[in-house]
Structure formats: structure tokens, C-alpha cells
Amino acid sequence: MSQENVGNVINRLLTDEDLRVRFALDPFDTLAELHLRGMPLTPEEIDVFVRSDVRVWFGEAERFGGSSTNVTGRRQGS
């Protein structure tokens, strides 16, 4: 839908371990949950997330130290 929504989903996957685990187990339901929380994605965007290698999300999250800072360097909620 928008670059902002895609960025928000990426930030959530990188900073929320519980969400990452749910995404690894059931990506469709996890993306549906995010849609209900105001982060709608296009079918094409959903496809990209679903086809992604979930190991990437876990590896990148470790690089960010599991902090609540998003990928732009801002703290969430700022």
C-alpha cells in the first residue's frame, strides 16, 4: 500500500521477537494481524514478505541488538 506501511512492518519484525516468531510460524496470520492494526499491505507486498527467508528477520534483529530502536535509528513511538 505504501512505503511507510512496508517500513512499519519491517521495523516491527526487527524489533518485536514475539511477532518474529509468530511470523516464522504463520506469516499470513501475522500479516493479517498487522493489517488489522493499521498496517495494510498490497497483495504483492504480502507475497514478498511471505516468500522472504525468515532467517533474515532473526539475523537482522540480532544485528540491531534486539533494542526498541527502529531501522531508521529512531526509537519507536518517537
PDB file of N, CA and C in Angstrom:
ATOM      1  N   MET A   1       0.834  -1.191   0.000  1.00  0.00           N
ATOM      2  CA  MET A   1       0.000   0.000   0.000  1.00  0.00           C
ATOM      3  C   MET A   1       0.866   1.237   0.000  1.00  0.00           C
ATOM      4  N   SER A   2       1.773   1.325   0.963  1.00  0.00           N
ATOM      5  CA  SER A   2       2.649   2.481   0.995  1.00  0.00           C
ATOM      6  C   SER A   2       3.997   2.064   1.544  1.00  0.00           C
ATOM      7  N   GLN A   3       4.988   2.829   1.164  1.00  0.00           N
ATOM      8  CA  GLN A   3       6.336   2.571   1.669  1.00  0.00           C
ATOM      9  C   GLN A   3       6.364   2.665   3.194  1.00  0.00           C
ATOM     10  N   GLU A   4       5.554   3.553   3.745  1.00  0.00           N
ATOM     11  CA  GLU A   4       5.504   3.701   5.205  1.00  0.00           C
ATOM     12  C   GLU A   4       5.012   2.413   5.871  1.00  0.00           C
ATOM     13  N   ASN A   5       3.957   1.802   5.313  1.00  0.00           N
ATOM     14  CA  ASN A   5       3.438   0.566   5.894  1.00  0.00           C
ATOM     15  C   ASN A   5       4.458  -0.560   5.794  1.00  0.00           C
ATOM     16  N   VAL A   6       5.136  -0.665   4.652  1.00  0.00           N
ATOM     17  CA  VAL A   6       6.171  -1.689   4.496  1.00  0.00           C
ATOM     18  C   VAL A   6       7.275  -1.450   5.523  1.00  0.00           C
ATOM     19  N   GLY A   7       7.694  -0.214   5.683  1.00  0.00           N
ATOM     20  CA  GLY A   7       8.721   0.122   6.672  1.00  0.00           C
ATOM     21  C   GLY A   7       8.281  -0.193   8.084  1.00  0.00           C
ATOM     22  N   ASN A   8       7.018   0.078   8.398  1.00  0.00           N
ATOM     23  CA  ASN A   8       6.494  -0.236   9.733  1.00  0.00           C
ATOM     24  C   ASN A   8       6.501  -1.736   9.998  1.00  0.00           C
ATOM     25  N   VAL A   9       6.136  -2.533   8.995  1.00  0.00           N
ATOM     26  CA  VAL A   9       6.147  -3.985   9.158  1.00  0.00           C
ATOM     27  C   VAL A   9       7.582  -4.468   9.362  1.00  0.00           C
ATOM     28  N   ILE A  10       8.510  -3.962   8.567  1.00  0.00           N
ATOM     29  CA  ILE A  10       9.920  -4.338   8.720  1.00  0.00           C
ATOM     30  C   ILE A  10      10.410  -3.982  10.117  1.00  0.00           C
ATOM     31  N   ASN A  11      10.133  -2.771  10.561  1.00  0.00           N
ATOM     32  CA  ASN A  11      10.557  -2.351  11.904  1.00  0.00           C
ATOM     33  C   ASN A  11       9.980  -3.256  12.978  1.00  0.00           C
ATOM     34  N   ARG A  12       8.716  -3.603  12.854  1.00  0.00           N
ATOM     35  CA  ARG A  12       8.095  -4.487  13.849  1.00  0.00           C
ATOM     36  C   ARG A  12       8.749  -5.861  13.844  1.00  0.00           C
ATOM     37  N   LEU A  13       9.027  -6.398  12.651  1.00  0.00           N
ATOM     38  CA  LEU A  13       9.665  -7.710  12.579  1.00  0.00           C
ATOM     39  C   LEU A  13      11.069  -7.694  13.169  1.00  0.00           C
ATOM     40  N   LEU A  14      11.759  -6.589  13.028  1.00  0.00           N
ATOM     41  CA  LEU A  14      13.123  -6.496  13.547  1.00  0.00           C
ATOM     42  C   LEU A  14      13.177  -6.223  15.044  1.00  0.00           C
ATOM     43  N   THR A  15      12.161  -5.612  15.586  1.00  0.00           N
ATOM     44  CA  THR A  15      12.235  -5.179  16.987  1.00  0.00           C
ATOM     45  C   THR A  15      11.322  -5.948  17.931  1.00  0.00           C
ATOM     46  N   ASP A  16      10.419  -6.773  17.407  1.00  0.00           N
ATOM     47  CA  ASP A  16       9.455  -7.485  18.239  1.00  0.00           C
ATOM     48  C   ASP A  16       9.668  -8.990  18.080  1.00  0.00           C
ATOM     49  N   GLU A  17      10.353  -9.579  19.045  1.00  0.00           N
ATOM     50  CA  GLU A  17      10.695 -11.003  18.955  1.00  0.00           C
ATOM     51  C   GLU A  17       9.466 -11.896  18.889  1.00  0.00           C
ATOM     52  N   ASP A  18       8.446 -11.605  19.679  1.00  0.00           N
ATOM     53  CA  ASP A  18       7.218 -12.413  19.649  1.00  0.00           C
ATOM     54  C   ASP A  18       6.573 -12.371  18.263  1.00  0.00           C
ATOM     55  N   LEU A  19       6.536 -11.195  17.671  1.00  0.00           N
ATOM     56  CA  LEU A  19       5.966 -11.058  16.333  1.00  0.00           C
ATOM     57  C   LEU A  19       6.795 -11.851  15.322  1.00  0.00           C
ATOM     58  N   ARG A  20       8.115 -11.792  15.440  1.00  0.00           N
ATOM     59  CA  ARG A  20       9.001 -12.541  14.541  1.00  0.00           C
ATOM     60  C   ARG A  20       8.730 -14.036  14.610  1.00  0.00           C
ATOM     61  N   VAL A  21       8.559 -14.544  15.816  1.00  0.00           N
ATOM     62  CA  VAL A  21       8.291 -15.972  15.991  1.00  0.00           C
ATOM     63  C   VAL A  21       6.942 -16.323  15.371  1.00  0.00           C
ATOM     64  N   ARG A  22       5.920 -15.501  15.633  1.00  0.00           N
ATOM     65  CA  ARG A  22       4.599 -15.754  15.036  1.00  0.00           C
ATOM     66  C   ARG A  22       4.677 -15.700  13.515  1.00  0.00           C
ATOM     67  N   PHE A  23       5.449 -14.742  12.988  1.00  0.00           N
ATOM     68  CA  PHE A  23       5.619 -14.618  11.539  1.00  0.00           C
ATOM     69  C   PHE A  23       6.293 -15.863  10.974  1.00  0.00           C
ATOM     70  N   ALA A  24       7.307 -16.379  11.666  1.00  0.00           N
ATOM     71  CA  ALA A  24       8.004 -17.578  11.193  1.00  0.00           C
ATOM     72  C   ALA A  24       7.058 -18.778  11.155  1.00  0.00           C
ATOM     73  N   LEU A  25       6.158 -18.867  12.119  1.00  0.00           N
ATOM     74  CA  LEU A  25       5.227 -19.985  12.196  1.00  0.00           C
ATOM     75  C   LEU A  25       4.039 -19.833  11.257  1.00  0.00           C
ATOM     76  N   ASP A  26       3.544 -18.606  11.088  1.00  0.00           N
ATOM     77  CA  ASP A  26       2.356 -18.375  10.259  1.00  0.00           C
ATOM     78  C   ASP A  26       2.376 -16.952   9.704  1.00  0.00           C
ATOM     79  N   PRO A  27       3.095 -16.758   8.606  1.00  0.00           N
ATOM     80  CA  PRO A  27       3.236 -15.398   8.078  1.00  0.00           C
ATOM     81  C   PRO A  27       1.913 -14.755   7.664  1.00  0.00           C
ATOM     82  N   PHE A  28       0.996 -15.535   7.089  1.00  0.00           N
ATOM     83  CA  PHE A  28      -0.275 -14.948   6.648  1.00  0.00           C
ATOM     84  C   PHE A  28      -1.079 -14.398   7.817  1.00  0.00           C
ATOM     85  N   ASP A  29      -1.223 -15.176   8.869  1.00  0.00           N
ATOM     86  CA  ASP A  29      -1.979 -14.691  10.030  1.00  0.00           C
ATOM     87  C   ASP A  29      -1.304 -13.495  10.683  1.00  0.00           C
ATOM     88  N   THR A  30       0.018 -13.516  10.725  1.00  0.00           N
ATOM     89  CA  THR A  30       0.751 -12.404  11.335  1.00  0.00           C
ATOM     90  C   THR A  30       0.548 -11.127  10.531  1.00  0.00           C
ATOM     91  N   LEU A  31       0.626 -11.228   9.204  1.00  0.00           N
ATOM     92  CA  LEU A  31       0.405 -10.042   8.367  1.00  0.00           C
ATOM     93  C   LEU A  31      -1.053  -9.584   8.448  1.00  0.00           C
ATOM     94  N   ALA A  32      -1.982 -10.519   8.593  1.00  0.00           N
ATOM     95  CA  ALA A  32      -3.395 -10.141   8.773  1.00  0.00           C
ATOM     96  C   ALA A  32      -3.581  -9.376  10.073  1.00  0.00           C
ATOM     97  N   GLU A  33      -2.896  -9.822  11.124  1.00  0.00           N
ATOM     98  CA  GLU A  33      -2.958  -9.115  12.409  1.00  0.00           C
ATOM     99  C   GLU A  33      -2.432  -7.688  12.265  1.00  0.00           C
ATOM    100  N   LEU A  34      -1.321  -7.538  11.572  1.00  0.00           N
ATOM    101  CA  LEU A  34      -0.758  -6.197  11.369  1.00  0.00           C
ATOM    102  C   LEU A  34      -1.696  -5.336  10.527  1.00  0.00           C
ATOM    103  N   HIS A  35      -2.357  -5.951   9.567  1.00  0.00           N
ATOM    104  CA  HIS A  35      -3.341  -5.228   8.753  1.00  0.00           C
ATOM    105  C   HIS A  35      -4.451  -4.670   9.646  1.00  0.00           C
ATOM    106  N   LEU A  36      -4.934  -5.492  10.567  1.00  0.00           N
ATOM    107  CA  LEU A  36      -5.990  -5.047  11.480  1.00  0.00           C
ATOM    108  C   LEU A  36      -5.504  -3.942  12.412  1.00  0.00           C
ATOM    109  N   ARG A  37      -4.198  -3.871  12.629  1.00  0.00           N
ATOM    110  CA  ARG A  37      -3.614  -2.832  13.483  1.00  0.00           C
ATOM    111  C   ARG A  37      -3.223  -1.582  12.689  1.00  0.00           C
ATOM    112  N   GLY A  38      -3.664  -1.518  11.433  1.00  0.00           N
ATOM    113  CA  GLY A  38      -3.448  -0.305  10.656  1.00  0.00           C
ATOM    114  C   GLY A  38      -2.241  -0.319   9.745  1.00  0.00           C
ATOM    115  N   MET A  39      -1.732  -1.492   9.418  1.00  0.00           N
ATOM    116  CA  MET A  39      -0.592  -1.594   8.516  1.00  0.00           C
ATOM    117  C   MET A  39      -0.963  -2.442   7.294  1.00  0.00           C
ATOM    118  N   PRO A  40      -1.894  -1.959   6.477  1.00  0.00           N
ATOM    119  CA  PRO A  40      -2.299  -2.748   5.309  1.00  0.00           C
ATOM    120  C   PRO A  40      -1.195  -2.818   4.268  1.00  0.00           C
ATOM    121  N   LEU A  41      -1.126  -3.956   3.601  1.00  0.00           N
ATOM    122  CA  LEU A  41      -0.152  -4.185   2.539  1.00  0.00           C
ATOM    123  C   LEU A  41      -0.895  -4.634   1.291  1.00  0.00           C
ATOM    124  N   THR A  42      -0.299  -4.385   0.140  1.00  0.00           N
ATOM    125  CA  THR A  42      -0.868  -4.872  -1.108  1.00  0.00           C
ATOM    126  C   THR A  42      -0.603  -6.370  -1.216  1.00  0.00           C
ATOM    127  N   PRO A  43      -1.323  -7.065  -2.084  1.00  0.00           N
ATOM    128  CA  PRO A  43      -1.040  -8.490  -2.293  1.00  0.00           C
ATOM    129  C   PRO A  43       0.417  -8.746  -2.698  1.00  0.00           C
ATOM    130  N   GLU A  44       0.975  -7.864  -3.493  1.00  0.00           N
ATOM    131  CA  GLU A  44       2.368  -8.014  -3.911  1.00  0.00           C
ATOM    132  C   GLU A  44       3.325  -7.878  -2.736  1.00  0.00           C
ATOM    133  N   GLU A  45       3.049  -6.923  -1.845  1.00  0.00           N
ATOM    134  CA  GLU A  45       3.886  -6.734  -0.658  1.00  0.00           C
ATOM    135  C   GLU A  45       3.773  -7.932   0.283  1.00  0.00           C
ATOM    136  N   ILE A  46       2.562  -8.435   0.444  1.00  0.00           N
ATOM    137  CA  ILE A  46       2.365  -9.627   1.272  1.00  0.00           C
ATOM    138  C   ILE A  46       3.165 -10.789   0.711  1.00  0.00           C
ATOM    139  N   ASP A  47       3.119 -10.947  -0.605  1.00  0.00           N
ATOM    140  CA  ASP A  47       3.853 -12.025  -1.257  1.00  0.00           C
ATOM    141  C   ASP A  47       5.351 -11.928  -0.992  1.00  0.00           C
ATOM    142  N   VAL A  48       5.884 -10.724  -1.043  1.00  0.00           N
ATOM    143  CA  VAL A  48       7.316 -10.535  -0.786  1.00  0.00           C
ATOM    144  C   VAL A  48       7.657 -10.931   0.645  1.00  0.00           C
ATOM    145  N   PHE A  49       6.855 -10.512   1.596  1.00  0.00           N
ATOM    146  CA  PHE A  49       7.108 -10.877   2.997  1.00  0.00           C
ATOM    147  C   PHE A  49       6.989 -12.391   3.191  1.00  0.00           C
ATOM    148  N   VAL A  50       5.945 -12.990   2.647  1.00  0.00           N
ATOM    149  CA  VAL A  50       5.711 -14.417   2.830  1.00  0.00           C
ATOM    150  C   VAL A  50       6.826 -15.244   2.188  1.00  0.00           C
ATOM    151  N   ARG A  51       7.321 -14.796   1.060  1.00  0.00           N
ATOM    152  CA  ARG A  51       8.378 -15.534   0.362  1.00  0.00           C
ATOM    153  C   ARG A  51       9.766 -15.263   0.932  1.00  0.00           C
ATOM    154  N   SER A  52       9.874 -14.314   1.842  1.00  0.00           N
ATOM    155  CA  SER A  52      11.181 -13.997   2.418  1.00  0.00           C
ATOM    156  C   SER A  52      11.667 -15.144   3.299  1.00  0.00           C
ATOM    157  N   ASP A  53      12.960 -15.271   3.396  1.00  0.00           N
ATOM    158  CA  ASP A  53      13.585 -16.276   4.250  1.00  0.00           C
ATOM    159  C   ASP A  53      13.516 -15.750   5.681  1.00  0.00           C
ATOM    160  N   VAL A  54      12.749 -16.411   6.544  1.00  0.00           N
ATOM    161  CA  VAL A  54      12.539 -15.899   7.901  1.00  0.00           C
ATOM    162  C   VAL A  54      13.842 -15.799   8.685  1.00  0.00           C
ATOM    163  N   ARG A  55      14.855 -16.553   8.290  1.00  0.00           N
ATOM    164  CA  ARG A  55      16.147 -16.455   8.982  1.00  0.00           C
ATOM    165  C   ARG A  55      16.726 -15.053   8.862  1.00  0.00           C
ATOM    166  N   VAL A  56      16.384 -14.361   7.784  1.00  0.00           N
ATOM    167  CA  VAL A  56      16.859 -12.986   7.602  1.00  0.00           C
ATOM    168  C   VAL A  56      16.350 -12.103   8.729  1.00  0.00           C
ATOM    169  N   TRP A  57      15.078 -12.251   9.088  1.00  0.00           N
ATOM    170  CA  TRP A  57      14.491 -11.401  10.132  1.00  0.00           C
ATOM    171  C   TRP A  57      15.160 -11.639  11.473  1.00  0.00           C
ATOM    172  N   PHE A  58      15.496 -12.891  11.756  1.00  0.00           N
ATOM    173  CA  PHE A  58      16.156 -13.199  13.027  1.00  0.00           C
ATOM    174  C   PHE A  58      17.597 -12.712  13.021  1.00  0.00           C
ATOM    175  N   GLY A  59      18.306 -12.886  11.899  1.00  0.00           N
ATOM    176  CA  GLY A  59      19.690 -12.438  11.804  1.00  0.00           C
ATOM    177  C   GLY A  59      19.819 -10.930  11.861  1.00  0.00           C
ATOM    178  N   GLU A  60      18.959 -10.218  11.164  1.00  0.00           N
ATOM    179  CA  GLU A  60      18.995  -8.756  11.169  1.00  0.00           C
ATOM    180  C   GLU A  60      18.618  -8.217  12.541  1.00  0.00           C
ATOM    181  N   ALA A  61      17.677  -8.863  13.200  1.00  0.00           N
ATOM    182  CA  ALA A  61      17.276  -8.405  14.538  1.00  0.00           C
ATOM    183  C   ALA A  61      18.464  -8.490  15.491  1.00  0.00           C
ATOM    184  N   GLU A  62      19.257  -9.540  15.365  1.00  0.00           N
ATOM    185  CA  GLU A  62      20.443  -9.658  16.214  1.00  0.00           C
ATOM    186  C   GLU A  62      21.424  -8.524  15.940  1.00  0.00           C
ATOM    187  N   ARG A  63      21.550  -8.123  14.689  1.00  0.00           N
ATOM    188  CA  ARG A  63      22.440  -7.005  14.351  1.00  0.00           C
ATOM    189  C   ARG A  63      21.998  -5.723  15.038  1.00  0.00           C
ATOM    190  N   PHE A  64      20.686  -5.577  15.224  1.00  0.00           N
ATOM    191  CA  PHE A  64      20.164  -4.374  15.875  1.00  0.00           C
ATOM    192  C   PHE A  64      20.106  -4.533  17.385  1.00  0.00           C
ATOM    193  N   GLY A  65      20.599  -5.643  17.887  1.00  0.00           N
ATOM    194  CA  GLY A  65      20.708  -5.848  19.327  1.00  0.00           C
ATOM    195  C   GLY A  65      19.397  -6.027  20.054  1.00  0.00           C
ATOM    196  N   GLY A  66      18.307  -6.312  19.321  1.00  0.00           N
ATOM    197  CA  GLY A  66      17.029  -6.525  19.970  1.00  0.00           C
ATOM    198  C   GLY A  66      16.495  -5.289  20.671  1.00  0.00           C
ATOM    199  N   SER A  67      17.026  -4.122  20.350  1.00  0.00           N
ATOM    200  CA  SER A  67      16.562  -2.902  21.005  1.00  0.00           C
ATOM    201  C   SER A  67      15.224  -2.482  20.434  1.00  0.00           C
ATOM    202  N   SER A  68      14.636  -1.487  21.031  1.00  0.00           N
ATOM    203  CA  SER A  68      13.374  -0.972  20.520  1.00  0.00           C
ATOM    204  C   SER A  68      13.605   0.195  19.563  1.00  0.00           C
ATOM    205  N   THR A  69      14.807   0.292  19.032  1.00  0.00           N
ATOM    206  CA  THR A  69      15.109   1.318  18.041  1.00  0.00           C
ATOM    207  C   THR A  69      14.788   0.770  16.662  1.00  0.00           C
ATOM    208  N   ASN A  70      14.106   1.557  15.847  1.00  0.00           N
ATOM    209  CA  ASN A  70      13.742   1.047  14.524  1.00  0.00           C
ATOM    210  C   ASN A  70      14.929   1.180  13.573  1.00  0.00           C
ATOM    211  N   VAL A  71      14.751   0.679  12.352  1.00  0.00           N
ATOM    212  CA  VAL A  71      15.863   0.635  11.410  1.00  0.00           C
ATOM    213  C   VAL A  71      16.320   2.016  10.962  1.00  0.00           C
ATOM    214  N   THR A  72      15.540   3.049  11.211  1.00  0.00           N
ATOM    215  CA  THR A  72      15.975   4.394  10.863  1.00  0.00           C
ATOM    216  C   THR A  72      16.760   5.038  11.981  1.00  0.00           C
ATOM    217  N   GLY A  73      16.902   4.294  13.097  1.00  0.00           N
ATOM    218  CA  GLY A  73      17.667   4.834  14.228  1.00  0.00           C
ATOM    219  C   GLY A  73      16.830   5.588  15.235  1.00  0.00           C
ATOM    220  N   ARG A  74      15.518   5.701  14.967  1.00  0.00           N
ATOM    221  CA  ARG A  74      14.635   6.389  15.913  1.00  0.00           C
ATOM    222  C   ARG A  74      14.001   5.375  16.838  1.00  0.00           C
ATOM    223  N   ARG A  75      13.770   5.795  18.055  1.00  0.00           N
ATOM    224  CA  ARG A  75      13.077   4.906  18.992  1.00  0.00           C
ATOM    225  C   ARG A  75      11.621   4.830  18.578  1.00  0.00           C
ATOM    226  N   GLN A  76      11.029   3.662  18.711  1.00  0.00           N
ATOM    227  CA  GLN A  76       9.632   3.527  18.368  1.00  0.00           C
ATOM    228  C   GLN A  76       8.792   4.430  19.235  1.00  0.00           C
ATOM    229  N   GLY A  77       7.768   5.010  18.612  1.00  0.00           N
ATOM    230  CA  GLY A  77       6.899   5.916  19.326  1.00  0.00           C
ATOM    231  C   GLY A  77       7.377   7.347  19.281  1.00  0.00           C
ATOM    232  N   SER A  78       8.537   7.578  18.647  1.00  0.00           N
ATOM    233  CA  SER A  78       9.084   8.931  18.534  1.00  0.00           C
ATOM    234  C   SER A  78       8.590   9.600  17.293  1.00  0.00           C
TER     235      SER A  78
END
